[in-house]
PDB file of N, CA and C in Angstrom:
ATOM      1  N   UNK A   1       1.358  65.114 -20.640  1.00  0.00           N
ATOM      2  CA  UNK A   1       2.468  64.198 -20.503  1.00  0.00           C
ATOM      3  C   UNK A   1       3.760  64.921 -20.884  1.00  0.00           C
ATOM      4  N   UNK A   2       4.819  64.550 -20.224  1.00  0.00           N
ATOM      5  CA  UNK A   2       6.140  65.101 -20.529  1.00  0.00           C
ATOM      6  C   UNK A   2       7.116  63.951 -20.760  1.00  0.00           C
ATOM      7  N   UNK A   3       8.292  64.272 -21.251  1.00  0.00           N
ATOM      8  CA  UNK A   3       9.339  63.270 -21.462  1.00  0.00           C
ATOM      9  C   UNK A   3      10.495  63.586 -20.533  1.00  0.00           C
ATOM     10  N   UNK A   4      10.905  62.606 -19.755  1.00  0.00           N
ATOM     11  CA  UNK A   4      11.990  62.749 -18.785  1.00  0.00           C
ATOM     12  C   UNK A   4      13.208  61.975 -19.278  1.00  0.00           C
ATOM     13  N   UNK A   5      14.385  62.563 -19.143  1.00  0.00           N
ATOM     14  CA  UNK A   5      15.644  61.878 -19.467  1.00  0.00           C
ATOM     15  C   UNK A   5      16.038  61.066 -18.235  1.00  0.00           C
ATOM     16  N   UNK A   6      16.019  59.765 -18.340  1.00  0.00           N
ATOM     17  CA  UNK A   6      16.206  58.876 -17.195  1.00  0.00           C
ATOM     18  C   UNK A   6      17.632  58.858 -16.656  1.00  0.00           C
ATOM     19  N   UNK A   7      18.619  58.590 -17.504  1.00  0.00           N
ATOM     20  CA  UNK A   7      19.989  58.385 -17.036  1.00  0.00           C
ATOM     21  C   UNK A   7      20.939  59.492 -17.494  1.00  0.00           C
ATOM     22  N   UNK A   8      20.889  59.822 -18.776  1.00  0.00           N
ATOM     23  CA  UNK A   8      21.738  60.875 -19.333  1.00  0.00           C
ATOM     24  C   UNK A   8      20.921  62.155 -19.408  1.00  0.00           C
ATOM     25  N   UNK A   9      21.240  63.126 -18.588  1.00  0.00           N
ATOM     26  CA  UNK A   9      20.417  64.334 -18.546  1.00  0.00           C
ATOM     27  C   UNK A   9      20.778  65.307 -19.656  1.00  0.00           C
ATOM     28  N   UNK A  10      19.785  65.986 -20.154  1.00  0.00           N
ATOM     29  CA  UNK A  10      19.997  67.001 -21.178  1.00  0.00           C
ATOM     30  C   UNK A  10      20.742  68.183 -20.565  1.00  0.00           C
ATOM     31  N   UNK A  11      20.382  68.560 -19.347  1.00  0.00           N
ATOM     32  CA  UNK A  11      21.018  69.695 -18.675  1.00  0.00           C
ATOM     33  C   UNK A  11      22.448  69.374 -18.247  1.00  0.00           C
ATOM     34  N   UNK A  12      22.767  68.084 -18.103  1.00  0.00           N
ATOM     35  CA  UNK A  12      24.100  67.680 -17.670  1.00  0.00           C
ATOM     36  C   UNK A  12      25.129  67.662 -18.775  1.00  0.00           C
ATOM     37  N   UNK A  13      24.710  67.993 -19.997  1.00  0.00           N
ATOM     38  CA  UNK A  13      25.653  68.073 -21.099  1.00  0.00           C
ATOM     39  C   UNK A  13      25.960  66.734 -21.751  1.00  0.00           C
ATOM     40  N   UNK A  14      25.086  65.741 -21.620  1.00  0.00           N
ATOM     41  CA  UNK A  14      25.312  64.445 -22.261  1.00  0.00           C
ATOM     42  C   UNK A  14      25.349  64.619 -23.777  1.00  0.00           C
ATOM     43  N   UNK A  15      26.167  63.811 -24.448  1.00  0.00           N
ATOM     44  CA  UNK A  15      26.328  63.938 -25.891  1.00  0.00           C
ATOM     45  C   UNK A  15      25.070  63.512 -26.663  1.00  0.00           C
ATOM     46  N   UNK A  16      24.394  62.474 -26.211  1.00  0.00           N
ATOM     47  CA  UNK A  16      23.208  61.992 -26.919  1.00  0.00           C
ATOM     48  C   UNK A  16      22.123  61.591 -25.907  1.00  0.00           C
ATOM     49  N   UNK A  17      21.497  62.561 -25.234  1.00  0.00           N
ATOM     50  CA  UNK A  17      20.522  62.233 -24.197  1.00  0.00           C
ATOM     51  C   UNK A  17      19.165  61.794 -24.742  1.00  0.00           C
ATOM     52  N   UNK A  18      18.929  61.907 -26.049  1.00  0.00           N
ATOM     53  CA  UNK A  18      17.609  61.644 -26.610  1.00  0.00           C
ATOM     54  C   UNK A  18      17.447  60.226 -27.155  1.00  0.00           C
ATOM     55  N   UNK A  19      18.275  59.293 -26.715  1.00  0.00           N
ATOM     56  CA  UNK A  19      18.115  57.898 -27.111  1.00  0.00           C
ATOM     57  C   UNK A  19      16.827  57.371 -26.501  1.00  0.00           C
ATOM     58  N   UNK A  20      16.100  56.535 -27.239  1.00  0.00           N
ATOM     59  CA  UNK A  20      14.810  56.027 -26.788  1.00  0.00           C
ATOM     60  C   UNK A  20      14.900  55.328 -25.425  1.00  0.00           C
ATOM     61  N   UNK A  21      15.969  54.584 -25.186  1.00  0.00           N
ATOM     62  CA  UNK A  21      16.132  53.874 -23.912  1.00  0.00           C
ATOM     63  C   UNK A  21      16.326  54.840 -22.744  1.00  0.00           C
ATOM     64  N   UNK A  22      16.666  56.089 -23.021  1.00  0.00           N
ATOM     65  CA  UNK A  22      16.913  57.082 -21.976  1.00  0.00           C
ATOM     66  C   UNK A  22      15.689  57.951 -21.698  1.00  0.00           C
ATOM     67  N   UNK A  23      14.604  57.779 -22.459  1.00  0.00           N
ATOM     68  CA  UNK A  23      13.428  58.633 -22.326  1.00  0.00           C
ATOM     69  C   UNK A  23      12.276  57.897 -21.659  1.00  0.00           C
ATOM     70  N   UNK A  24      11.515  58.635 -20.865  1.00  0.00           N
ATOM     71  CA  UNK A  24      10.371  58.058 -20.160  1.00  0.00           C
ATOM     72  C   UNK A  24       9.255  59.097 -20.130  1.00  0.00           C
ATOM     73  N   UNK A  25       8.023  58.682 -20.448  1.00  0.00           N
ATOM     74  CA  UNK A  25       6.902  59.614 -20.371  1.00  0.00           C
ATOM     75  C   UNK A  25       6.365  59.629 -18.948  1.00  0.00           C
ATOM     76  N   UNK A  26       5.938  60.788 -18.502  1.00  0.00           N
ATOM     77  CA  UNK A  26       5.360  60.922 -17.162  1.00  0.00           C
ATOM     78  C   UNK A  26       4.515  62.182 -17.079  1.00  0.00           C
ATOM     79  N   UNK A  27       3.727  62.267 -16.037  1.00  0.00           N
ATOM     80  CA  UNK A  27       2.894  63.437 -15.802  1.00  0.00           C
ATOM     81  C   UNK A  27       3.789  64.595 -15.332  1.00  0.00           C
ATOM     82  N   UNK A  28       3.405  65.839 -15.623  1.00  0.00           N
ATOM     83  CA  UNK A  28       4.258  66.991 -15.283  1.00  0.00           C
ATOM     84  C   UNK A  28       4.633  67.081 -13.803  1.00  0.00           C
ATOM     85  N   UNK A  29       3.715  66.791 -12.905  1.00  0.00           N
ATOM     86  CA  UNK A  29       4.021  66.918 -11.471  1.00  0.00           C
ATOM     87  C   UNK A  29       4.958  65.816 -11.003  1.00  0.00           C
ATOM     88  N   UNK A  30       4.854  64.631 -11.582  1.00  0.00           N
ATOM     89  CA  UNK A  30       5.809  63.556 -11.269  1.00  0.00           C
ATOM     90  C   UNK A  30       7.194  63.939 -11.769  1.00  0.00           C
ATOM     91  N   UNK A  31       7.244  64.527 -12.943  1.00  0.00           N
ATOM     92  CA  UNK A  31       8.514  64.961 -13.533  1.00  0.00           C
ATOM     93  C   UNK A  31       9.168  66.022 -12.650  1.00  0.00           C
ATOM     94  N   UNK A  32       8.384  66.998 -12.208  1.00  0.00           N
ATOM     95  CA  UNK A  32       8.928  68.067 -11.355  1.00  0.00           C
ATOM     96  C   UNK A  32       9.402  67.532 -10.008  1.00  0.00           C
ATOM     97  N   UNK A  33       8.779  66.452  -9.522  1.00  0.00           N
ATOM     98  CA  UNK A  33       9.161  65.889  -8.227  1.00  0.00           C
ATOM     99  C   UNK A  33      10.534  65.224  -8.255  1.00  0.00           C
ATOM    100  N   UNK A  34      10.956  64.714  -9.418  1.00  0.00           N
ATOM    101  CA  UNK A  34      12.240  64.007  -9.478  1.00  0.00           C
ATOM    102  C   UNK A  34      13.326  64.764 -10.235  1.00  0.00           C
ATOM    103  N   UNK A  35      12.965  65.804 -10.970  1.00  0.00           N
ATOM    104  CA  UNK A  35      13.929  66.550 -11.784  1.00  0.00           C
ATOM    105  C   UNK A  35      13.975  68.012 -11.350  1.00  0.00           C
ATOM    106  N   UNK A  36      15.054  68.437 -10.708  1.00  0.00           N
ATOM    107  CA  UNK A  36      15.127  69.817 -10.221  1.00  0.00           C
ATOM    108  C   UNK A  36      15.168  70.862 -11.335  1.00  0.00           C
ATOM    109  N   UNK A  37      15.442  70.442 -12.576  1.00  0.00           N
ATOM    110  CA  UNK A  37      15.488  71.375 -13.698  1.00  0.00           C
ATOM    111  C   UNK A  37      14.147  71.533 -14.403  1.00  0.00           C
ATOM    112  N   UNK A  38      13.147  70.750 -14.010  1.00  0.00           N
ATOM    113  CA  UNK A  38      11.831  70.815 -14.653  1.00  0.00           C
ATOM    114  C   UNK A  38      10.835  71.508 -13.731  1.00  0.00           C
ATOM    115  N   UNK A  39      10.123  72.481 -14.246  1.00  0.00           N
ATOM    116  CA  UNK A  39       9.118  73.200 -13.461  1.00  0.00           C
ATOM    117  C   UNK A  39       7.835  73.287 -14.273  1.00  0.00           C
ATOM    118  N   UNK A  40       6.710  72.953 -13.666  1.00  0.00           N
ATOM    119  CA  UNK A  40       5.435  72.975 -14.374  1.00  0.00           C
ATOM    120  C   UNK A  40       4.906  74.387 -14.552  1.00  0.00           C
ATOM    121  N   UNK A  41       5.294  75.292 -13.663  1.00  0.00           N
ATOM    122  CA  UNK A  41       4.730  76.632 -13.686  1.00  0.00           C
ATOM    123  C   UNK A  41       3.433  76.715 -12.899  1.00  0.00           C
ATOM    124  N   UNK A  42       3.029  75.573 -12.344  1.00  0.00           N
ATOM    125  CA  UNK A  42       1.797  75.494 -11.560  1.00  0.00           C
ATOM    126  C   UNK A  42       2.089  74.809 -10.244  1.00  0.00           C
ATOM    127  N   UNK A  43       1.190  74.979  -9.290  1.00  0.00           N
ATOM    128  CA  UNK A  43       1.287  74.293  -8.009  1.00  0.00           C
ATOM    129  C   UNK A  43       0.095  73.351  -7.880  1.00  0.00           C
ATOM    130  N   UNK A  44       0.372  72.061  -7.643  1.00  0.00           N
ATOM    131  CA  UNK A  44      -0.695  71.083  -7.476  1.00  0.00           C
ATOM    132  C   UNK A  44      -1.278  71.236  -6.072  1.00  0.00           C
ATOM    133  N   UNK A  45      -2.540  71.592  -5.990  1.00  0.00           N
ATOM    134  CA  UNK A  45      -3.191  71.827  -4.701  1.00  0.00           C
ATOM    135  C   UNK A  45      -4.019  70.626  -4.273  1.00  0.00           C
ATOM    136  N   UNK A  46      -4.788  70.047  -5.216  1.00  0.00           N
ATOM    137  CA  UNK A  46      -5.684  68.964  -4.859  1.00  0.00           C
ATOM    138  C   UNK A  46      -5.915  68.066  -6.068  1.00  0.00           C
ATOM    139  N   UNK A  47      -5.940  66.755  -5.852  1.00  0.00           N
ATOM    140  CA  UNK A  47      -6.256  65.802  -6.907  1.00  0.00           C
ATOM    141  C   UNK A  47      -7.759  65.530  -6.863  1.00  0.00           C
ATOM    142  N   UNK A  48      -8.443  65.808  -7.977  1.00  0.00           N
ATOM    143  CA  UNK A  48      -9.891  65.652  -8.018  1.00  0.00           C
ATOM    144  C   UNK A  48     -10.327  64.247  -8.402  1.00  0.00           C
ATOM    145  N   UNK A  49      -9.554  63.565  -9.242  1.00  0.00           N
ATOM    146  CA  UNK A  49      -9.869  62.213  -9.685  1.00  0.00           C
ATOM    147  C   UNK A  49      -8.721  61.280  -9.342  1.00  0.00           C
ATOM    148  N   UNK A  50      -8.939  59.984  -9.501  1.00  0.00           N
ATOM    149  CA  UNK A  50      -7.894  59.015  -9.260  1.00  0.00           C
ATOM    150  C   UNK A  50      -6.776  59.134 -10.287  1.00  0.00           C
ATOM    151  N   UNK A  51      -5.693  58.434 -10.054  1.00  0.00           N
ATOM    152  CA  UNK A  51      -4.517  58.538 -10.915  1.00  0.00           C
ATOM    153  C   UNK A  51      -4.729  57.922 -12.292  1.00  0.00           C
ATOM    154  N   UNK A  52      -5.680  57.031 -12.448  1.00  0.00           N
ATOM    155  CA  UNK A  52      -5.911  56.394 -13.741  1.00  0.00           C
ATOM    156  C   UNK A  52      -7.085  57.025 -14.494  1.00  0.00           C
ATOM    157  N   UNK A  53      -7.502  58.198 -14.089  1.00  0.00           N
ATOM    158  CA  UNK A  53      -8.607  58.912 -14.738  1.00  0.00           C
ATOM    159  C   UNK A  53      -8.063  60.077 -15.544  1.00  0.00           C
ATOM    160  N   UNK A  54      -8.428  60.132 -16.808  1.00  0.00           N
ATOM    161  CA  UNK A  54      -7.989  61.234 -17.674  1.00  0.00           C
ATOM    162  C   UNK A  54      -9.189  61.928 -18.248  1.00  0.00           C
TER     163      UNK A  54
END
C-alpha cells in the first residue's frame, strides 16, 4: 500500500500536503496510474488473483 496526496501535491510545493484529509491509501500500480511523479519500479504484466485478494 502507498499513500497518495489527493489535492495538495508534495511535488507541487504545497505548504502542508500531509493533512489527513489530503491523504489516500492505494495500491502502488493504482498510484502510478494517476500520479506522474510516482513510479513502482516494476511493470504489472498479469493479475493472478482478484482485486480483493491479498
